[in-house]
């Protein structure tokens, strides 16, 4: 499955199948939340949250690809990510794009 942020794939004629998406809501455990809150006092990267968001993006992408495969897609173009905090220490990540089939 080809994933791209562009509208086209070089050398391919595309047939649009429709919007596909995958999402997840992730959080870290209370112990990680406490240790990360102390880190905000001194500054620097919040590695537990970086890991959480990387895991969330990977899972959302996997779910989007599964959605595209159900439509018989060969690729997803115009792929994007969006995220939003849904509560303290928890974030929703959505991956979305347009499923296409090669003509």
N, C-alpha and C. Protein backbone atom coordinates (compact mmCIF):
# COMPACT_ATOMS: atom_id res chain seq x y z
N UNK A 1 0.86 -1.18 0.00
CA UNK A 1 0.00 0.00 0.00
C UNK A 1 0.90 1.23 0.00
N UNK A 2 0.67 2.09 -0.96
CA UNK A 2 1.42 3.35 -1.04
C UNK A 2 0.66 4.41 -0.25
N UNK A 3 1.38 5.12 0.62
CA UNK A 3 0.81 6.25 1.37
C UNK A 3 1.59 7.49 0.97
N UNK A 4 0.87 8.53 0.59
CA UNK A 4 1.55 9.75 0.19
C UNK A 4 0.73 10.98 0.59
N UNK A 5 1.44 12.06 0.84
CA UNK A 5 0.77 13.31 1.17
C UNK A 5 0.44 14.12 -0.08
N UNK A 6 0.91 13.65 -1.23
CA UNK A 6 0.64 14.36 -2.48
C UNK A 6 -0.71 13.93 -3.06
N UNK A 7 -1.19 14.70 -4.03
CA UNK A 7 -2.48 14.41 -4.66
C UNK A 7 -2.37 13.36 -5.75
N UNK A 8 -1.18 13.15 -6.25
CA UNK A 8 -0.97 12.22 -7.36
C UNK A 8 0.18 11.27 -7.04
N UNK A 9 0.27 10.22 -7.83
CA UNK A 9 1.42 9.31 -7.76
C UNK A 9 2.02 9.31 -9.16
N UNK A 10 3.27 9.69 -9.24
CA UNK A 10 3.96 9.85 -10.52
C UNK A 10 3.80 8.61 -11.40
N UNK A 11 3.37 8.85 -12.64
CA UNK A 11 3.25 7.78 -13.61
C UNK A 11 2.01 6.91 -13.46
N UNK A 12 1.11 7.26 -12.57
CA UNK A 12 -0.10 6.45 -12.34
C UNK A 12 -1.35 7.28 -12.57
N UNK A 13 -2.32 6.66 -13.22
CA UNK A 13 -3.64 7.27 -13.33
C UNK A 13 -4.48 6.67 -12.21
N UNK A 14 -5.18 7.53 -11.48
CA UNK A 14 -5.87 7.10 -10.26
C UNK A 14 -7.38 7.19 -10.39
N UNK A 15 -8.04 6.22 -9.78
CA UNK A 15 -9.49 6.24 -9.63
C UNK A 15 -9.79 6.44 -8.15
N UNK A 16 -10.54 7.47 -7.81
CA UNK A 16 -10.86 7.77 -6.42
C UNK A 16 -11.90 6.80 -5.89
N UNK A 17 -11.61 6.23 -4.71
CA UNK A 17 -12.55 5.31 -4.06
C UNK A 17 -13.29 5.98 -2.89
N UNK A 18 -12.63 6.93 -2.24
CA UNK A 18 -13.29 7.64 -1.15
C UNK A 18 -12.39 7.89 0.04
N UNK A 19 -12.95 8.55 1.01
CA UNK A 19 -12.26 8.90 2.24
C UNK A 19 -12.01 7.65 3.09
N UNK A 20 -10.80 7.54 3.63
CA UNK A 20 -10.49 6.48 4.58
C UNK A 20 -9.86 7.12 5.81
N UNK A 21 -10.06 6.45 6.95
CA UNK A 21 -9.53 7.02 8.18
C UNK A 21 -9.30 5.91 9.20
N UNK A 22 -8.45 6.24 10.14
CA UNK A 22 -8.22 5.37 11.28
C UNK A 22 -7.91 6.26 12.46
N UNK A 23 -8.35 5.87 13.64
CA UNK A 23 -8.10 6.72 14.80
C UNK A 23 -7.88 5.87 16.05
N UNK A 24 -7.34 6.52 17.05
CA UNK A 24 -7.14 5.90 18.35
C UNK A 24 -7.07 7.00 19.40
N UNK A 25 -7.38 6.64 20.63
CA UNK A 25 -7.18 7.53 21.77
C UNK A 25 -6.22 6.81 22.70
N UNK A 26 -5.13 7.45 23.02
CA UNK A 26 -4.08 6.85 23.82
C UNK A 26 -3.84 7.67 25.09
N UNK A 27 -3.41 6.98 26.14
CA UNK A 27 -3.00 7.67 27.36
C UNK A 27 -1.88 6.88 28.01
N UNK A 28 -1.13 7.53 28.85
CA UNK A 28 -0.09 6.88 29.63
C UNK A 28 -0.65 6.63 31.02
N UNK A 29 -0.05 5.70 31.73
CA UNK A 29 -0.54 5.41 33.09
C UNK A 29 -0.22 6.55 34.05
N UNK A 30 -0.85 6.54 35.19
CA UNK A 30 -0.72 7.63 36.17
C UNK A 30 0.73 7.83 36.62
N UNK A 31 1.49 6.75 36.73
CA UNK A 31 2.90 6.86 37.11
C UNK A 31 3.70 7.66 36.10
N UNK A 32 3.45 7.39 34.82
CA UNK A 32 4.14 8.14 33.76
C UNK A 32 3.68 9.60 33.76
N UNK A 33 2.38 9.83 33.99
CA UNK A 33 1.88 11.20 34.03
C UNK A 33 2.58 12.00 35.11
N UNK A 34 2.77 11.41 36.27
CA UNK A 34 3.42 12.11 37.39
C UNK A 34 4.87 12.42 37.06
N UNK A 35 5.60 11.43 36.54
CA UNK A 35 7.02 11.67 36.24
C UNK A 35 7.16 12.70 35.12
N UNK A 36 6.25 12.67 34.13
CA UNK A 36 6.33 13.64 33.05
C UNK A 36 5.97 15.05 33.53
N UNK A 37 5.09 15.16 34.51
CA UNK A 37 4.75 16.49 35.02
C UNK A 37 5.94 17.12 35.74
N UNK A 38 6.76 16.32 36.40
CA UNK A 38 7.98 16.84 37.03
C UNK A 38 8.95 17.33 35.96
N UNK A 39 9.00 16.65 34.83
CA UNK A 39 9.90 17.02 33.75
C UNK A 39 9.56 18.41 33.22
N UNK A 40 8.30 18.81 33.29
CA UNK A 40 7.92 20.13 32.78
C UNK A 40 8.52 21.25 33.63
N UNK A 41 8.92 20.93 34.85
CA UNK A 41 9.54 21.94 35.71
C UNK A 41 10.93 22.33 35.24
N UNK A 42 11.66 21.37 34.67
CA UNK A 42 13.04 21.63 34.25
C UNK A 42 13.19 21.76 32.75
N UNK A 43 12.18 21.36 32.02
CA UNK A 43 12.21 21.46 30.56
C UNK A 43 12.81 20.22 29.92
N UNK A 44 12.69 20.16 28.63
CA UNK A 44 13.22 19.03 27.87
C UNK A 44 12.11 18.19 27.27
N UNK A 45 12.52 17.17 26.54
CA UNK A 45 11.56 16.31 25.87
C UNK A 45 10.82 15.42 26.85
N UNK A 46 9.53 15.29 26.65
CA UNK A 46 8.70 14.40 27.45
C UNK A 46 8.64 13.06 26.70
N UNK A 47 9.64 12.23 26.92
CA UNK A 47 9.82 11.02 26.11
C UNK A 47 8.64 10.06 26.20
N UNK A 48 8.02 9.93 27.36
CA UNK A 48 6.87 9.03 27.48
C UNK A 48 5.73 9.49 26.58
N UNK A 49 5.54 10.79 26.47
CA UNK A 49 4.49 11.31 25.60
C UNK A 49 4.88 11.22 24.13
N UNK A 50 6.17 11.39 23.83
CA UNK A 50 6.64 11.20 22.46
C UNK A 50 6.37 9.77 22.02
N UNK A 51 6.69 8.82 22.86
CA UNK A 51 6.44 7.41 22.57
C UNK A 51 4.94 7.16 22.39
N UNK A 52 4.13 7.74 23.28
CA UNK A 52 2.69 7.56 23.20
C UNK A 52 2.16 8.06 21.86
N UNK A 53 2.60 9.23 21.43
CA UNK A 53 2.10 9.80 20.19
C UNK A 53 2.61 9.01 18.98
N UNK A 54 3.84 8.51 19.03
CA UNK A 54 4.35 7.67 17.94
C UNK A 54 3.54 6.39 17.82
N UNK A 55 3.22 5.78 18.96
CA UNK A 55 2.39 4.57 18.96
C UNK A 55 0.99 4.87 18.43
N UNK A 56 0.45 6.01 18.83
CA UNK A 56 -0.90 6.39 18.38
C UNK A 56 -0.92 6.63 16.88
N UNK A 57 0.09 7.33 16.34
CA UNK A 57 0.14 7.56 14.89
C UNK A 57 0.26 6.24 14.13
N UNK A 58 1.10 5.33 14.64
CA UNK A 58 1.28 4.04 13.97
C UNK A 58 -0.03 3.24 13.96
N UNK A 59 -0.75 3.24 15.07
CA UNK A 59 -2.01 2.50 15.15
C UNK A 59 -3.08 3.14 14.26
N UNK A 60 -3.16 4.47 14.27
CA UNK A 60 -4.13 5.16 13.43
C UNK A 60 -3.83 4.91 11.95
N UNK A 61 -2.56 4.90 11.58
CA UNK A 61 -2.17 4.63 10.20
C UNK A 61 -2.55 3.20 9.81
N UNK A 62 -2.27 2.25 10.69
CA UNK A 62 -2.63 0.85 10.43
C UNK A 62 -4.14 0.71 10.20
N UNK A 63 -4.93 1.36 11.01
CA UNK A 63 -6.39 1.29 10.88
C UNK A 63 -6.87 1.96 9.59
N UNK A 64 -6.20 3.05 9.20
CA UNK A 64 -6.56 3.72 7.94
C UNK A 64 -6.24 2.80 6.76
N UNK A 65 -5.08 2.15 6.79
CA UNK A 65 -4.69 1.23 5.72
C UNK A 65 -5.70 0.07 5.64
N UNK A 66 -6.12 -0.46 6.77
CA UNK A 66 -7.12 -1.53 6.78
C UNK A 66 -8.43 -1.05 6.15
N UNK A 67 -8.82 0.19 6.44
CA UNK A 67 -10.02 0.78 5.85
C UNK A 67 -9.86 0.86 4.34
N UNK A 68 -8.69 1.29 3.87
CA UNK A 68 -8.42 1.40 2.44
C UNK A 68 -8.42 0.03 1.77
N UNK A 69 -7.85 -0.97 2.42
CA UNK A 69 -7.82 -2.32 1.86
C UNK A 69 -9.23 -2.88 1.69
N UNK A 70 -10.13 -2.55 2.61
CA UNK A 70 -11.51 -3.02 2.49
C UNK A 70 -12.19 -2.45 1.25
N UNK A 71 -11.72 -1.29 0.79
CA UNK A 71 -12.27 -0.69 -0.43
C UNK A 71 -11.56 -1.20 -1.68
N UNK A 72 -10.50 -1.99 -1.51
CA UNK A 72 -9.73 -2.48 -2.65
C UNK A 72 -8.72 -1.48 -3.15
N UNK A 73 -8.28 -0.57 -2.31
CA UNK A 73 -7.36 0.49 -2.71
C UNK A 73 -5.94 -0.02 -2.93
N UNK A 74 -5.26 0.65 -3.83
CA UNK A 74 -3.83 0.41 -4.06
C UNK A 74 -2.97 1.42 -3.31
N UNK A 75 -3.57 2.56 -2.98
CA UNK A 75 -2.82 3.63 -2.33
C UNK A 75 -3.77 4.56 -1.59
N UNK A 76 -3.18 5.40 -0.73
CA UNK A 76 -3.90 6.50 -0.09
C UNK A 76 -3.14 7.77 -0.40
N UNK A 77 -3.81 8.72 -1.03
CA UNK A 77 -3.19 10.01 -1.36
C UNK A 77 -3.75 11.09 -0.44
N UNK A 78 -3.08 12.22 -0.43
CA UNK A 78 -3.48 13.36 0.41
C UNK A 78 -3.58 12.94 1.88
N UNK A 79 -2.70 12.06 2.32
CA UNK A 79 -2.75 11.54 3.69
C UNK A 79 -2.35 12.61 4.69
N UNK A 80 -3.07 12.68 5.79
CA UNK A 80 -2.82 13.66 6.84
C UNK A 80 -3.02 13.03 8.20
N UNK A 81 -2.47 13.71 9.22
CA UNK A 81 -2.71 13.36 10.62
C UNK A 81 -3.32 14.56 11.31
N UNK A 82 -4.16 14.29 12.29
CA UNK A 82 -4.67 15.34 13.17
C UNK A 82 -4.70 14.76 14.57
N UNK A 83 -4.55 15.62 15.55
CA UNK A 83 -4.62 15.16 16.93
C UNK A 83 -5.30 16.20 17.80
N UNK A 84 -5.82 15.70 18.91
CA UNK A 84 -6.50 16.60 19.85
C UNK A 84 -6.43 15.98 21.23
N UNK A 85 -6.26 16.81 22.23
CA UNK A 85 -6.31 16.33 23.61
C UNK A 85 -7.77 16.09 23.96
N UNK A 86 -8.06 14.92 24.52
CA UNK A 86 -9.43 14.64 24.92
C UNK A 86 -9.60 14.73 26.43
N UNK A 87 -8.50 14.67 27.15
CA UNK A 87 -8.48 14.88 28.59
C UNK A 87 -7.01 14.96 29.01
N UNK A 88 -6.73 15.29 30.23
CA UNK A 88 -5.36 15.40 30.71
C UNK A 88 -4.63 14.08 30.48
N UNK A 89 -3.55 14.12 29.69
CA UNK A 89 -2.74 12.92 29.48
C UNK A 89 -3.27 11.95 28.45
N UNK A 90 -4.33 12.31 27.73
CA UNK A 90 -4.87 11.43 26.70
C UNK A 90 -5.07 12.24 25.42
N UNK A 91 -4.74 11.61 24.30
CA UNK A 91 -4.86 12.30 23.02
C UNK A 91 -5.48 11.39 21.97
N UNK A 92 -6.30 11.99 21.11
CA UNK A 92 -6.82 11.27 19.96
C UNK A 92 -5.94 11.60 18.77
N UNK A 93 -5.61 10.60 18.01
CA UNK A 93 -4.88 10.79 16.76
C UNK A 93 -5.71 10.16 15.66
N UNK A 94 -5.88 10.90 14.56
CA UNK A 94 -6.59 10.38 13.40
C UNK A 94 -5.68 10.50 12.19
N UNK A 95 -5.65 9.45 11.40
CA UNK A 95 -4.96 9.44 10.11
C UNK A 95 -6.06 9.37 9.06
N UNK A 96 -5.97 10.19 8.01
CA UNK A 96 -7.00 10.18 7.00
C UNK A 96 -6.43 10.54 5.64
N UNK A 97 -7.13 10.15 4.61
CA UNK A 97 -6.70 10.43 3.25
C UNK A 97 -7.75 9.94 2.27
N UNK A 98 -7.37 9.95 1.01
CA UNK A 98 -8.26 9.50 -0.06
C UNK A 98 -7.74 8.18 -0.62
N UNK A 99 -8.57 7.15 -0.55
CA UNK A 99 -8.21 5.84 -1.10
C UNK A 99 -8.35 5.90 -2.62
N UNK A 100 -7.37 5.34 -3.32
CA UNK A 100 -7.38 5.32 -4.77
C UNK A 100 -6.98 3.94 -5.28
N UNK A 101 -7.41 3.67 -6.49
CA UNK A 101 -7.06 2.43 -7.20
C UNK A 101 -6.34 2.84 -8.48
N UNK A 102 -5.33 2.06 -8.86
CA UNK A 102 -4.63 2.35 -10.11
C UNK A 102 -5.49 1.92 -11.29
N UNK A 103 -5.56 2.78 -12.33
CA UNK A 103 -6.34 2.44 -13.54
C UNK A 103 -5.46 1.62 -14.47
